[in-house]
């Protein structure tokens, strides 16, 4: 998985609200690590469609996400 794809995964968790406001807040390395596998496992097909699509995908798979990734979503108001 490329670094670009890993980075995008955390604009979603930590920056969905910020993106709506025009900011580009990125998640911490720990937050990125927490959801990296979940993005790859559950949202691989939509990884190139943009941050908000990936965020929606993760929300749709919330019950299958690792505890760590669910916590990242929750901590960031998702």
PDB file of N, CA and C in Angstrom:
ATOM      1  N   UNK A   1       0.857  -1.167   0.000  1.00  0.00           N
ATOM      2  CA  UNK A   1       0.000   0.000   0.000  1.00  0.00           C
ATOM      3  C   UNK A   1       0.899   1.224   0.000  1.00  0.00           C
ATOM      4  N   UNK A   2       0.591   2.175  -0.843  1.00  0.00           N
ATOM      5  CA  UNK A   2       1.460   3.340  -0.956  1.00  0.00           C
ATOM      6  C   UNK A   2       1.268   4.293   0.213  1.00  0.00           C
ATOM      7  N   UNK A   3       2.265   5.113   0.432  1.00  0.00           N
ATOM      8  CA  UNK A   3       2.208   6.097   1.518  1.00  0.00           C
ATOM      9  C   UNK A   3       1.050   7.064   1.304  1.00  0.00           C
ATOM     10  N   UNK A   4       0.776   7.418   0.055  1.00  0.00           N
ATOM     11  CA  UNK A   4      -0.333   8.322  -0.241  1.00  0.00           C
ATOM     12  C   UNK A   4      -1.648   7.723   0.221  1.00  0.00           C
ATOM     13  N   UNK A   5      -1.845   6.448  -0.040  1.00  0.00           N
ATOM     14  CA  UNK A   5      -3.081   5.792   0.360  1.00  0.00           C
ATOM     15  C   UNK A   5      -3.175   5.720   1.869  1.00  0.00           C
ATOM     16  N   UNK A   6      -2.070   5.480   2.542  1.00  0.00           N
ATOM     17  CA  UNK A   6      -2.099   5.427   3.999  1.00  0.00           C
ATOM     18  C   UNK A   6      -2.405   6.794   4.584  1.00  0.00           C
ATOM     19  N   UNK A   7      -1.886   7.830   3.974  1.00  0.00           N
ATOM     20  CA  UNK A   7      -2.131   9.175   4.460  1.00  0.00           C
ATOM     21  C   UNK A   7      -3.593   9.551   4.307  1.00  0.00           C
ATOM     22  N   UNK A   8      -4.178   9.217   3.174  1.00  0.00           N
ATOM     23  CA  UNK A   8      -5.565   9.579   2.940  1.00  0.00           C
ATOM     24  C   UNK A   8      -6.474   8.963   3.989  1.00  0.00           C
ATOM     25  N   UNK A   9      -6.134   7.810   4.460  1.00  0.00           N
ATOM     26  CA  UNK A   9      -6.988   7.106   5.399  1.00  0.00           C
ATOM     27  C   UNK A   9      -7.181   7.902   6.671  1.00  0.00           C
ATOM     28  N   UNK A  10      -6.287   8.788   6.928  1.00  0.00           N
ATOM     29  CA  UNK A  10      -6.408   9.531   8.162  1.00  0.00           C
ATOM     30  C   UNK A  10      -6.866  10.935   8.017  1.00  0.00           C
ATOM     31  N   UNK A  11      -6.949  11.383   6.823  1.00  0.00           N
ATOM     32  CA  UNK A  11      -7.665  12.632   6.633  1.00  0.00           C
ATOM     33  C   UNK A  11      -9.101  12.325   7.030  1.00  0.00           C
ATOM     34  N   UNK A  12      -9.582  11.139   6.693  1.00  0.00           N
ATOM     35  CA  UNK A  12     -10.962  10.745   7.000  1.00  0.00           C
ATOM     36  C   UNK A  12     -11.224  10.783   8.485  1.00  0.00           C
ATOM     37  N   UNK A  13     -10.431  10.116   9.261  1.00  0.00           N
ATOM     38  CA  UNK A  13     -10.745   9.945  10.671  1.00  0.00           C
ATOM     39  C   UNK A  13     -10.599  11.231  11.450  1.00  0.00           C
ATOM     40  N   UNK A  14      -9.570  11.950  11.167  1.00  0.00           N
ATOM     41  CA  UNK A  14      -9.288  13.127  11.961  1.00  0.00           C
ATOM     42  C   UNK A  14      -9.665  14.409  11.263  1.00  0.00           C
ATOM     43  N   UNK A  15      -9.973  14.307  10.010  1.00  0.00           N
ATOM     44  CA  UNK A  15     -10.185  15.533   9.297  1.00  0.00           C
ATOM     45  C   UNK A  15     -11.482  15.648   8.545  1.00  0.00           C
ATOM     46  N   UNK A  16     -12.404  14.745   8.708  1.00  0.00           N
ATOM     47  CA  UNK A  16     -13.645  14.853   7.944  1.00  0.00           C
ATOM     48  C   UNK A  16     -14.329  16.183   8.229  1.00  0.00           C
ATOM     49  N   UNK A  17     -14.425  16.539   9.478  1.00  0.00           N
ATOM     50  CA  UNK A  17     -15.010  17.829   9.811  1.00  0.00           C
ATOM     51  C   UNK A  17     -14.134  18.967   9.355  1.00  0.00           C
ATOM     52  N   UNK A  18     -12.842  18.787   9.518  1.00  0.00           N
ATOM     53  CA  UNK A  18     -11.892  19.817   9.094  1.00  0.00           C
ATOM     54  C   UNK A  18     -11.929  19.988   7.582  1.00  0.00           C
ATOM     55  N   UNK A  19     -12.061  18.886   6.858  1.00  0.00           N
ATOM     56  CA  UNK A  19     -12.138  18.984   5.404  1.00  0.00           C
ATOM     57  C   UNK A  19     -13.349  19.805   4.987  1.00  0.00           C
ATOM     58  N   UNK A  20     -14.449  19.587   5.664  1.00  0.00           N
ATOM     59  CA  UNK A  20     -15.657  20.334   5.346  1.00  0.00           C
ATOM     60  C   UNK A  20     -15.440  21.826   5.569  1.00  0.00           C
ATOM     61  N   UNK A  21     -14.510  22.155   6.466  1.00  0.00           N
ATOM     62  CA  UNK A  21     -14.224  23.550   6.766  1.00  0.00           C
ATOM     63  C   UNK A  21     -13.018  24.052   5.983  1.00  0.00           C
ATOM     64  N   UNK A  22     -12.470  23.220   5.105  1.00  0.00           N
ATOM     65  CA  UNK A  22     -11.355  23.652   4.274  1.00  0.00           C
ATOM     66  C   UNK A  22      -9.984  23.404   4.866  1.00  0.00           C
ATOM     67  N   UNK A  23      -9.892  22.709   5.983  1.00  0.00           N
ATOM     68  CA  UNK A  23      -8.617  22.409   6.610  1.00  0.00           C
ATOM     69  C   UNK A  23      -8.096  21.065   6.102  1.00  0.00           C
ATOM     70  N   UNK A  24      -6.813  20.798   6.334  1.00  0.00           N
ATOM     71  CA  UNK A  24      -6.246  19.524   5.910  1.00  0.00           C
ATOM     72  C   UNK A  24      -5.613  18.797   7.086  1.00  0.00           C
ATOM     73  N   UNK A  25      -6.280  18.771   8.218  1.00  0.00           N
ATOM     74  CA  UNK A  25      -5.786  18.067   9.402  1.00  0.00           C
ATOM     75  C   UNK A  25      -5.550  16.597   9.071  1.00  0.00           C
ATOM     76  N   UNK A  26      -4.437  16.086   9.486  1.00  0.00           N
ATOM     77  CA  UNK A  26      -4.118  14.670   9.272  1.00  0.00           C
ATOM     78  C   UNK A  26      -4.044  13.975  10.620  1.00  0.00           C
ATOM     79  N   UNK A  27      -4.291  12.682  10.593  1.00  0.00           N
ATOM     80  CA  UNK A  27      -4.220  11.898  11.818  1.00  0.00           C
ATOM     81  C   UNK A  27      -2.784  11.697  12.267  1.00  0.00           C
ATOM     82  N   UNK A  28      -2.648  11.286  13.497  1.00  0.00           N
ATOM     83  CA  UNK A  28      -1.326  10.985  14.031  1.00  0.00           C
ATOM     84  C   UNK A  28      -0.839   9.663  13.442  1.00  0.00           C
ATOM     85  N   UNK A  29       0.451   9.406  13.528  1.00  0.00           N
ATOM     86  CA  UNK A  29       0.951   8.106  13.061  1.00  0.00           C
ATOM     87  C   UNK A  29       0.258   6.932  13.763  1.00  0.00           C
ATOM     88  N   UNK A  30      -0.073   7.097  15.039  1.00  0.00           N
ATOM     89  CA  UNK A  30      -0.760   6.042  15.781  1.00  0.00           C
ATOM     90  C   UNK A  30      -2.170   5.813  15.225  1.00  0.00           C
ATOM     91  N   UNK A  31      -2.855   6.899  14.890  1.00  0.00           N
ATOM     92  CA  UNK A  31      -4.198   6.773  14.323  1.00  0.00           C
ATOM     93  C   UNK A  31      -4.129   6.109  12.952  1.00  0.00           C
ATOM     94  N   UNK A  32      -3.144   6.488  12.167  1.00  0.00           N
ATOM     95  CA  UNK A  32      -2.982   5.875  10.850  1.00  0.00           C
ATOM     96  C   UNK A  32      -2.748   4.377  10.992  1.00  0.00           C
ATOM     97  N   UNK A  33      -1.894   4.006  11.908  1.00  0.00           N
ATOM     98  CA  UNK A  33      -1.591   2.592  12.120  1.00  0.00           C
ATOM     99  C   UNK A  33      -2.836   1.834  12.583  1.00  0.00           C
ATOM    100  N   UNK A  34      -3.653   2.468  13.406  1.00  0.00           N
ATOM    101  CA  UNK A  34      -4.840   1.804  13.951  1.00  0.00           C
ATOM    102  C   UNK A  34      -5.825   1.393  12.866  1.00  0.00           C
ATOM    103  N   UNK A  35      -5.923   2.154  11.792  1.00  0.00           N
ATOM    104  CA  UNK A  35      -6.926   1.863  10.757  1.00  0.00           C
ATOM    105  C   UNK A  35      -6.337   1.357   9.444  1.00  0.00           C
ATOM    106  N   UNK A  36      -5.057   1.312   9.324  1.00  0.00           N
ATOM    107  CA  UNK A  36      -4.412   0.907   8.074  1.00  0.00           C
ATOM    108  C   UNK A  36      -4.948  -0.426   7.561  1.00  0.00           C
ATOM    109  N   UNK A  37      -4.965  -1.437   8.408  1.00  0.00           N
ATOM    110  CA  UNK A  37      -5.433  -2.756   7.995  1.00  0.00           C
ATOM    111  C   UNK A  37      -6.911  -2.769   7.660  1.00  0.00           C
ATOM    112  N   UNK A  38      -7.699  -2.011   8.407  1.00  0.00           N
ATOM    113  CA  UNK A  38      -9.140  -1.960   8.159  1.00  0.00           C
ATOM    114  C   UNK A  38      -9.446  -1.319   6.814  1.00  0.00           C
ATOM    115  N   UNK A  39      -8.731  -0.263   6.480  1.00  0.00           N
ATOM    116  CA  UNK A  39      -8.933   0.378   5.185  1.00  0.00           C
ATOM    117  C   UNK A  39      -8.595  -0.606   4.081  1.00  0.00           C
ATOM    118  N   UNK A  40      -7.475  -1.282   4.224  1.00  0.00           N
ATOM    119  CA  UNK A  40      -7.051  -2.241   3.212  1.00  0.00           C
ATOM    120  C   UNK A  40      -8.027  -3.418   3.109  1.00  0.00           C
ATOM    121  N   UNK A  41      -8.478  -3.891   4.240  1.00  0.00           N
ATOM    122  CA  UNK A  41      -9.351  -5.064   4.286  1.00  0.00           C
ATOM    123  C   UNK A  41     -10.762  -4.768   3.803  1.00  0.00           C
ATOM    124  N   UNK A  42     -11.343  -3.679   4.251  1.00  0.00           N
ATOM    125  CA  UNK A  42     -12.762  -3.425   3.997  1.00  0.00           C
ATOM    126  C   UNK A  42     -13.040  -2.409   2.896  1.00  0.00           C
ATOM    127  N   UNK A  43     -12.077  -1.555   2.605  1.00  0.00           N
ATOM    128  CA  UNK A  43     -12.350  -0.429   1.707  1.00  0.00           C
ATOM    129  C   UNK A  43     -11.380  -0.332   0.538  1.00  0.00           C
ATOM    130  N   UNK A  44     -10.713  -1.409   0.251  1.00  0.00           N
ATOM    131  CA  UNK A  44      -9.721  -1.409  -0.835  1.00  0.00           C
ATOM    132  C   UNK A  44     -10.325  -0.942  -2.155  1.00  0.00           C
ATOM    133  N   UNK A  45     -11.548  -1.342  -2.442  1.00  0.00           N
ATOM    134  CA  UNK A  45     -12.174  -1.016  -3.733  1.00  0.00           C
ATOM    135  C   UNK A  45     -12.440   0.476  -3.906  1.00  0.00           C
ATOM    136  N   UNK A  46     -12.537   1.198  -2.800  1.00  0.00           N
ATOM    137  CA  UNK A  46     -12.857   2.629  -2.905  1.00  0.00           C
ATOM    138  C   UNK A  46     -11.701   3.530  -2.496  1.00  0.00           C
ATOM    139  N   UNK A  47     -10.542   2.965  -2.280  1.00  0.00           N
ATOM    140  CA  UNK A  47      -9.409   3.747  -1.774  1.00  0.00           C
ATOM    141  C   UNK A  47      -9.013   4.888  -2.702  1.00  0.00           C
ATOM    142  N   UNK A  48      -9.256   4.773  -3.976  1.00  0.00           N
ATOM    143  CA  UNK A  48      -8.873   5.817  -4.923  1.00  0.00           C
ATOM    144  C   UNK A  48      -9.992   6.828  -5.174  1.00  0.00           C
ATOM    145  N   UNK A  49     -11.106   6.683  -4.479  1.00  0.00           N
ATOM    146  CA  UNK A  49     -12.266   7.545  -4.732  1.00  0.00           C
ATOM    147  C   UNK A  49     -12.344   8.760  -3.815  1.00  0.00           C
ATOM    148  N   UNK A  50     -11.385   8.915  -2.948  1.00  0.00           N
ATOM    149  CA  UNK A  50     -11.356  10.099  -2.093  1.00  0.00           C
ATOM    150  C   UNK A  50     -11.603   9.783  -0.635  1.00  0.00           C
ATOM    151  N   UNK A  51     -11.177  10.708   0.194  1.00  0.00           N
ATOM    152  CA  UNK A  51     -11.219  10.529   1.644  1.00  0.00           C
ATOM    153  C   UNK A  51     -12.625  10.320   2.186  1.00  0.00           C
ATOM    154  N   UNK A  52     -13.559  11.086   1.701  1.00  0.00           N
ATOM    155  CA  UNK A  52     -14.914  10.997   2.237  1.00  0.00           C
ATOM    156  C   UNK A  52     -15.568   9.667   1.866  1.00  0.00           C
ATOM    157  N   UNK A  53     -15.231   9.123   0.716  1.00  0.00           N
ATOM    158  CA  UNK A  53     -15.758   7.814   0.311  1.00  0.00           C
ATOM    159  C   UNK A  53     -15.193   6.731   1.221  1.00  0.00           C
ATOM    160  N   UNK A  54     -13.913   6.838   1.540  1.00  0.00           N
ATOM    161  CA  UNK A  54     -13.292   5.867   2.441  1.00  0.00           C
ATOM    162  C   UNK A  54     -13.894   5.985   3.830  1.00  0.00           C
ATOM    163  N   UNK A  55     -14.094   7.193   4.296  1.00  0.00           N
ATOM    164  CA  UNK A  55     -14.720   7.389   5.597  1.00  0.00           C
ATOM    165  C   UNK A  55     -16.093   6.737   5.626  1.00  0.00           C
ATOM    166  N   UNK A  56     -16.880   6.951   4.606  1.00  0.00           N
ATOM    167  CA  UNK A  56     -18.207   6.340   4.545  1.00  0.00           C
ATOM    168  C   UNK A  56     -18.101   4.818   4.553  1.00  0.00           C
ATOM    169  N   UNK A  57     -17.146   4.288   3.816  1.00  0.00           N
ATOM    170  CA  UNK A  57     -16.923   2.844   3.786  1.00  0.00           C
ATOM    171  C   UNK A  57     -16.598   2.315   5.184  1.00  0.00           C
ATOM    172  N   UNK A  58     -15.715   2.990   5.882  1.00  0.00           N
ATOM    173  CA  UNK A  58     -15.369   2.547   7.233  1.00  0.00           C
ATOM    174  C   UNK A  58     -16.580   2.604   8.154  1.00  0.00           C
ATOM    175  N   UNK A  59     -17.376   3.632   8.023  1.00  0.00           N
ATOM    176  CA  UNK A  59     -18.592   3.733   8.839  1.00  0.00           C
ATOM    177  C   UNK A  59     -19.536   2.575   8.533  1.00  0.00           C
ATOM    178  N   UNK A  60     -19.657   2.218   7.266  1.00  0.00           N
ATOM    179  CA  UNK A  60     -20.537   1.122   6.870  1.00  0.00           C
ATOM    180  C   UNK A  60     -20.044  -0.223   7.406  1.00  0.00           C
ATOM    181  N   UNK A  61     -18.750  -0.329   7.648  1.00  0.00           N
ATOM    182  CA  UNK A  61     -18.157  -1.568   8.155  1.00  0.00           C
ATOM    183  C   UNK A  61     -17.790  -1.466   9.634  1.00  0.00           C
ATOM    184  N   UNK A  62     -18.331  -0.496  10.319  1.00  0.00           N
ATOM    185  CA  UNK A  62     -17.955  -0.221  11.715  1.00  0.00           C
ATOM    186  C   UNK A  62     -17.917  -1.493  12.574  1.00  0.00           C
ATOM    187  N   UNK A  63     -18.903  -2.344  12.439  1.00  0.00           N
ATOM    188  CA  UNK A  63     -18.971  -3.543  13.278  1.00  0.00           C
ATOM    189  C   UNK A  63     -17.835  -4.526  12.997  1.00  0.00           C
ATOM    190  N   UNK A  64     -17.247  -4.467  11.814  1.00  0.00           N
ATOM    191  CA  UNK A  64     -16.153  -5.370  11.468  1.00  0.00           C
ATOM    192  C   UNK A  64     -14.777  -4.762  11.705  1.00  0.00           C
ATOM    193  N   UNK A  65     -14.717  -3.496  12.055  1.00  0.00           N
ATOM    194  CA  UNK A  65     -13.429  -2.833  12.254  1.00  0.00           C
ATOM    195  C   UNK A  65     -12.770  -3.300  13.541  1.00  0.00           C
ATOM    196  N   UNK A  66     -11.463  -3.185  13.575  1.00  0.00           N
ATOM    197  CA  UNK A  66     -10.744  -3.475  14.808  1.00  0.00           C
ATOM    198  C   UNK A  66     -11.155  -2.467  15.875  1.00  0.00           C
ATOM    199  N   UNK A  67     -10.988  -2.852  17.094  1.00  0.00           N
ATOM    200  CA  UNK A  67     -11.338  -1.961  18.209  1.00  0.00           C
ATOM    201  C   UNK A  67     -10.560  -0.647  18.107  1.00  0.00           C
ATOM    202  N   UNK A  68      -9.290  -0.741  17.753  1.00  0.00           N
ATOM    203  CA  UNK A  68      -8.443   0.457  17.667  1.00  0.00           C
ATOM    204  C   UNK A  68      -8.969   1.426  16.616  1.00  0.00           C
ATOM    205  N   UNK A  69      -9.379   0.927  15.468  1.00  0.00           N
ATOM    206  CA  UNK A  69      -9.882   1.810  14.417  1.00  0.00           C
ATOM    207  C   UNK A  69     -11.240   2.399  14.808  1.00  0.00           C
ATOM    208  N   UNK A  70     -12.088   1.601  15.420  1.00  0.00           N
ATOM    209  CA  UNK A  70     -13.374   2.141  15.899  1.00  0.00           C
ATOM    210  C   UNK A  70     -13.140   3.276  16.888  1.00  0.00           C
ATOM    211  N   UNK A  71     -12.139   3.117  17.739  1.00  0.00           N
ATOM    212  CA  UNK A  71     -11.834   4.164  18.715  1.00  0.00           C
ATOM    213  C   UNK A  71     -11.370   5.439  18.021  1.00  0.00           C
ATOM    214  N   UNK A  72     -10.568   5.310  16.963  1.00  0.00           N
ATOM    215  CA  UNK A  72     -10.130   6.476  16.222  1.00  0.00           C
ATOM    216  C   UNK A  72     -11.344   7.201  15.643  1.00  0.00           C
ATOM    217  N   UNK A  73     -12.271   6.460  15.052  1.00  0.00           N
ATOM    218  CA  UNK A  73     -13.475   7.076  14.509  1.00  0.00           C
ATOM    219  C   UNK A  73     -14.237   7.806  15.595  1.00  0.00           C
ATOM    220  N   UNK A  74     -14.468   7.133  16.700  1.00  0.00           N
ATOM    221  CA  UNK A  74     -15.232   7.719  17.807  1.00  0.00           C
ATOM    222  C   UNK A  74     -14.550   8.957  18.382  1.00  0.00           C
ATOM    223  N   UNK A  75     -13.233   8.876  18.573  1.00  0.00           N
ATOM    224  CA  UNK A  75     -12.488  10.008  19.134  1.00  0.00           C
ATOM    225  C   UNK A  75     -12.521  11.236  18.238  1.00  0.00           C
ATOM    226  N   UNK A  76     -12.808  11.015  16.966  1.00  0.00           N
ATOM    227  CA  UNK A  76     -12.832  12.115  16.011  1.00  0.00           C
ATOM    228  C   UNK A  76     -14.247  12.427  15.540  1.00  0.00           C
ATOM    229  N   UNK A  77     -15.220  12.048  16.340  1.00  0.00           N
ATOM    230  CA  UNK A  77     -16.604  12.416  16.060  1.00  0.00           C
ATOM    231  C   UNK A  77     -17.219  11.707  14.882  1.00  0.00           C
ATOM    232  N   UNK A  78     -16.721  10.541  14.543  1.00  0.00           N
ATOM    233  CA  UNK A  78     -17.252   9.779  13.432  1.00  0.00           C
ATOM    234  C   UNK A  78     -17.936   8.545  13.957  1.00  0.00           C
TER     235      UNK A  78
END
